[in-house]
């Protein structure tokens, strides 16, 4: 399973001395790790208040990570598999362009539209009929 380089030392630490059947992470009392135990263990509400980001959610971080992976060039079908989505439409709903991407898209469109009509016509993959 490919992993991010930054996570490799963490995964080595977490797997040291474990068998392949052992759970990677456990809850604070040795039980199942749930979203509630993660929230409590990270002191989530305090953390987001301290950061001044009261609307930040753990699931929002999943969206951010998916967007970063897409921005880095990970193909959409691979991202779908990473996120465990059945539908590609669900995966695309996770992707959120930031202001920089929107500005770049506008600049790209402006460059295209500033070309002469004949030059734009050369770049069309088909000839529209009006």
C-alpha atoms as a PDB file:
ATOM      1  CA  UNK A   1       0.000   0.000   0.000  1.00  0.00           C
ATOM      2  CA  UNK A   2       1.571   3.312  -1.043  1.00  0.00           C
ATOM      3  CA  UNK A   3       1.830   5.884   1.756  1.00  0.00           C
ATOM      4  CA  UNK A   4       2.874   9.503   2.022  1.00  0.00           C
ATOM      5  CA  UNK A   5       6.546   9.911   2.968  1.00  0.00           C
ATOM      6  CA  UNK A   6       5.629  12.131   5.920  1.00  0.00           C
ATOM      7  CA  UNK A   7       3.483   9.343   7.403  1.00  0.00           C
ATOM      8  CA  UNK A   8       6.077   6.566   7.124  1.00  0.00           C
ATOM      9  CA  UNK A   9       7.801   7.165  10.504  1.00  0.00           C
ATOM     10  CA  UNK A  10       4.421   7.418  12.239  1.00  0.00           C
ATOM     11  CA  UNK A  11       3.247   4.135  10.714  1.00  0.00           C
ATOM     12  CA  UNK A  12       6.507   2.416  11.693  1.00  0.00           C
ATOM     13  CA  UNK A  13       5.995   3.587  15.270  1.00  0.00           C
ATOM     14  CA  UNK A  14       2.358   2.460  15.305  1.00  0.00           C
ATOM     15  CA  UNK A  15       3.095  -0.978  13.834  1.00  0.00           C
ATOM     16  CA  UNK A  16       6.223  -1.777  15.846  1.00  0.00           C
ATOM     17  CA  UNK A  17       5.690  -5.099  17.616  1.00  0.00           C
ATOM     18  CA  UNK A  18       2.228  -5.715  16.123  1.00  0.00           C
ATOM     19  CA  UNK A  19       1.080  -8.611  14.012  1.00  0.00           C
ATOM     20  CA  UNK A  20      -0.802  -8.014  10.736  1.00  0.00           C
ATOM     21  CA  UNK A  21      -4.090  -8.903  12.481  1.00  0.00           C
ATOM     22  CA  UNK A  22      -3.639  -6.342  15.288  1.00  0.00           C
ATOM     23  CA  UNK A  23      -5.627  -3.104  14.993  1.00  0.00           C
ATOM     24  CA  UNK A  24      -3.457  -0.137  14.044  1.00  0.00           C
ATOM     25  CA  UNK A  25      -5.206   2.221  16.470  1.00  0.00           C
ATOM     26  CA  UNK A  26      -7.387   1.674  19.517  1.00  0.00           C
ATOM     27  CA  UNK A  27      -9.579   3.911  21.603  1.00  0.00           C
ATOM     28  CA  UNK A  28      -8.237   5.423  24.837  1.00  0.00           C
ATOM     29  CA  UNK A  29      -9.421   2.444  26.896  1.00  0.00           C
ATOM     30  CA  UNK A  30      -8.212  -0.142  24.378  1.00  0.00           C
ATOM     31  CA  UNK A  31     -11.549  -0.455  22.602  1.00  0.00           C
ATOM     32  CA  UNK A  32     -12.798   0.575  19.210  1.00  0.00           C
ATOM     33  CA  UNK A  33     -11.653   3.932  17.904  1.00  0.00           C
ATOM     34  CA  UNK A  34     -14.701   6.076  17.143  1.00  0.00           C
ATOM     35  CA  UNK A  35     -15.152   9.628  15.915  1.00  0.00           C
ATOM     36  CA  UNK A  36     -16.152  10.571  19.463  1.00  0.00           C
ATOM     37  CA  UNK A  37     -12.916   9.174  20.931  1.00  0.00           C
ATOM     38  CA  UNK A  38     -10.885  11.005  18.279  1.00  0.00           C
ATOM     39  CA  UNK A  39     -12.784  14.223  19.069  1.00  0.00           C
ATOM     40  CA  UNK A  40     -12.100  13.809  22.767  1.00  0.00           C
ATOM     41  CA  UNK A  41      -8.468  12.708  22.349  1.00  0.00           C
ATOM     42  CA  UNK A  42      -7.652  15.716  20.172  1.00  0.00           C
ATOM     43  CA  UNK A  43      -9.670  18.138  22.323  1.00  0.00           C
ATOM     44  CA  UNK A  44     -11.216  19.144  19.016  1.00  0.00           C
ATOM     45  CA  UNK A  45     -13.532  21.924  20.213  1.00  0.00           C
ATOM     46  CA  UNK A  46     -10.696  23.589  22.144  1.00  0.00           C
ATOM     47  CA  UNK A  47      -8.314  23.181  19.205  1.00  0.00           C
ATOM     48  CA  UNK A  48     -10.601  24.792  16.616  1.00  0.00           C
ATOM     49  CA  UNK A  49     -11.470  27.618  19.023  1.00  0.00           C
ATOM     50  CA  UNK A  50      -7.769  28.238  19.657  1.00  0.00           C
ATOM     51  CA  UNK A  51      -7.115  28.295  15.910  1.00  0.00           C
ATOM     52  CA  UNK A  52      -9.999  30.701  15.399  1.00  0.00           C
ATOM     53  CA  UNK A  53     -11.698  28.216  13.056  1.00  0.00           C
ATOM     54  CA  UNK A  54     -14.908  27.277  14.880  1.00  0.00           C
ATOM     55  CA  UNK A  55     -16.522  25.896  11.715  1.00  0.00           C
ATOM     56  CA  UNK A  56     -13.668  23.466  11.013  1.00  0.00           C
ATOM     57  CA  UNK A  57     -14.697  19.819  11.116  1.00  0.00           C
ATOM     58  CA  UNK A  58     -12.687  16.632  10.949  1.00  0.00           C
ATOM     59  CA  UNK A  59     -14.682  15.675   7.864  1.00  0.00           C
ATOM     60  CA  UNK A  60     -13.792  19.067   6.375  1.00  0.00           C
ATOM     61  CA  UNK A  61     -10.147  18.045   6.663  1.00  0.00           C
ATOM     62  CA  UNK A  62     -10.999  14.993   4.521  1.00  0.00           C
ATOM     63  CA  UNK A  63     -12.319  17.360   1.848  1.00  0.00           C
ATOM     64  CA  UNK A  64      -9.158  19.463   2.111  1.00  0.00           C
ATOM     65  CA  UNK A  65      -6.930  16.406   1.773  1.00  0.00           C
ATOM     66  CA  UNK A  66      -8.888  15.189  -1.254  1.00  0.00           C
ATOM     67  CA  UNK A  67      -8.602  18.610  -2.888  1.00  0.00           C
ATOM     68  CA  UNK A  68      -4.850  18.723  -2.238  1.00  0.00           C
ATOM     69  CA  UNK A  69      -4.417  15.264  -3.762  1.00  0.00           C
ATOM     70  CA  UNK A  70      -6.416  16.294  -6.842  1.00  0.00           C
ATOM     71  CA  UNK A  71      -4.426  19.537  -7.113  1.00  0.00           C
ATOM     72  CA  UNK A  72      -1.193  17.536  -6.986  1.00  0.00           C
ATOM     73  CA  UNK A  73      -2.313  15.598 -10.050  1.00  0.00           C
ATOM     74  CA  UNK A  74      -3.788  12.420  -8.544  1.00  0.00           C
ATOM     75  CA  UNK A  75      -6.264  11.142 -11.156  1.00  0.00           C
ATOM     76  CA  UNK A  76      -9.908  11.295 -10.125  1.00  0.00           C
ATOM     77  CA  UNK A  77     -10.452   7.528 -10.399  1.00  0.00           C
ATOM     78  CA  UNK A  78      -7.460   6.919  -8.101  1.00  0.00           C
ATOM     79  CA  UNK A  79      -8.742   9.522  -5.641  1.00  0.00           C
ATOM     80  CA  UNK A  80     -12.118   7.744  -5.703  1.00  0.00           C
ATOM     81  CA  UNK A  81     -10.405   4.536  -4.635  1.00  0.00           C
ATOM     82  CA  UNK A  82      -8.383   6.272  -1.905  1.00  0.00           C
ATOM     83  CA  UNK A  83     -11.530   7.819  -0.441  1.00  0.00           C
ATOM     84  CA  UNK A  84     -13.472   4.565  -0.767  1.00  0.00           C
ATOM     85  CA  UNK A  85     -16.310   6.059  -2.790  1.00  0.00           C
ATOM     86  CA  UNK A  86     -18.581   3.893  -4.955  1.00  0.00           C
ATOM     87  CA  UNK A  87     -19.554   6.860  -7.115  1.00  0.00           C
ATOM     88  CA  UNK A  88     -17.201   9.225  -8.945  1.00  0.00           C
ATOM     89  CA  UNK A  89     -19.833  11.941  -8.377  1.00  0.00           C
ATOM     90  CA  UNK A  90     -19.295  11.623  -4.622  1.00  0.00           C
ATOM     91  CA  UNK A  91     -15.564  12.049  -5.129  1.00  0.00           C
ATOM     92  CA  UNK A  92     -15.996  15.162  -7.267  1.00  0.00           C
ATOM     93  CA  UNK A  93     -18.223  16.662  -4.568  1.00  0.00           C
ATOM     94  CA  UNK A  94     -15.185  16.539  -2.248  1.00  0.00           C
ATOM     95  CA  UNK A  95     -13.120  18.817  -4.473  1.00  0.00           C
ATOM     96  CA  UNK A  96     -13.202  22.532  -3.761  1.00  0.00           C
ATOM     97  CA  UNK A  97     -11.179  24.949  -5.896  1.00  0.00           C
ATOM     98  CA  UNK A  98      -9.707  27.833  -3.949  1.00  0.00           C
ATOM     99  CA  UNK A  99      -9.572  31.476  -5.009  1.00  0.00           C
ATOM    100  CA  UNK A 100      -6.187  30.950  -6.695  1.00  0.00           C
ATOM    101  CA  UNK A 101      -7.604  28.218  -8.932  1.00  0.00           C
ATOM    102  CA  UNK A 102     -10.647  30.297  -9.789  1.00  0.00           C
ATOM    103  CA  UNK A 103      -8.413  33.270 -10.654  1.00  0.00           C
ATOM    104  CA  UNK A 104      -6.205  31.037 -12.834  1.00  0.00           C
ATOM    105  CA  UNK A 105      -9.300  29.709 -14.625  1.00  0.00           C
ATOM    106  CA  UNK A 106     -10.485  33.273 -15.310  1.00  0.00           C
ATOM    107  CA  UNK A 107      -7.034  34.241 -16.631  1.00  0.00           C
ATOM    108  CA  UNK A 108      -6.972  31.196 -18.880  1.00  0.00           C
ATOM    109  CA  UNK A 109     -10.442  32.011 -20.232  1.00  0.00           C
ATOM    110  CA  UNK A 110      -9.458  35.663 -20.754  1.00  0.00           C
ATOM    111  CA  UNK A 111      -6.350  34.623 -22.728  1.00  0.00           C
ATOM    112  CA  UNK A 112      -8.456  32.358 -24.915  1.00  0.00           C
ATOM    113  CA  UNK A 113     -11.208  34.938 -25.452  1.00  0.00           C
ATOM    114  CA  UNK A 114      -8.695  37.690 -26.276  1.00  0.00           C
ATOM    115  CA  UNK A 115      -7.525  35.722 -29.325  1.00  0.00           C
ATOM    116  CA  UNK A 116      -8.970  36.524 -32.699  1.00  0.00           C
ATOM    117  CA  UNK A 117     -12.160  34.622 -33.566  1.00  0.00           C
ATOM    118  CA  UNK A 118     -10.268  32.748 -36.321  1.00  0.00           C
ATOM    119  CA  UNK A 119      -7.595  31.620 -33.839  1.00  0.00           C
ATOM    120  CA  UNK A 120     -10.255  30.438 -31.371  1.00  0.00           C
ATOM    121  CA  UNK A 121     -11.973  28.521 -34.194  1.00  0.00           C
ATOM    122  CA  UNK A 122      -8.695  26.627 -34.904  1.00  0.00           C
ATOM    123  CA  UNK A 123      -8.712  25.283 -31.335  1.00  0.00           C
ATOM    124  CA  UNK A 124     -12.259  23.925 -31.409  1.00  0.00           C
ATOM    125  CA  UNK A 125     -12.440  20.126 -31.614  1.00  0.00           C
ATOM    126  CA  UNK A 126     -15.614  20.412 -33.667  1.00  0.00           C
ATOM    127  CA  UNK A 127     -17.347  22.951 -35.869  1.00  0.00           C
ATOM    128  CA  UNK A 128     -20.509  24.188 -34.196  1.00  0.00           C
ATOM    129  CA  UNK A 129     -23.507  24.793 -36.395  1.00  0.00           C
ATOM    130  CA  UNK A 130     -25.642  27.758 -35.544  1.00  0.00           C
END
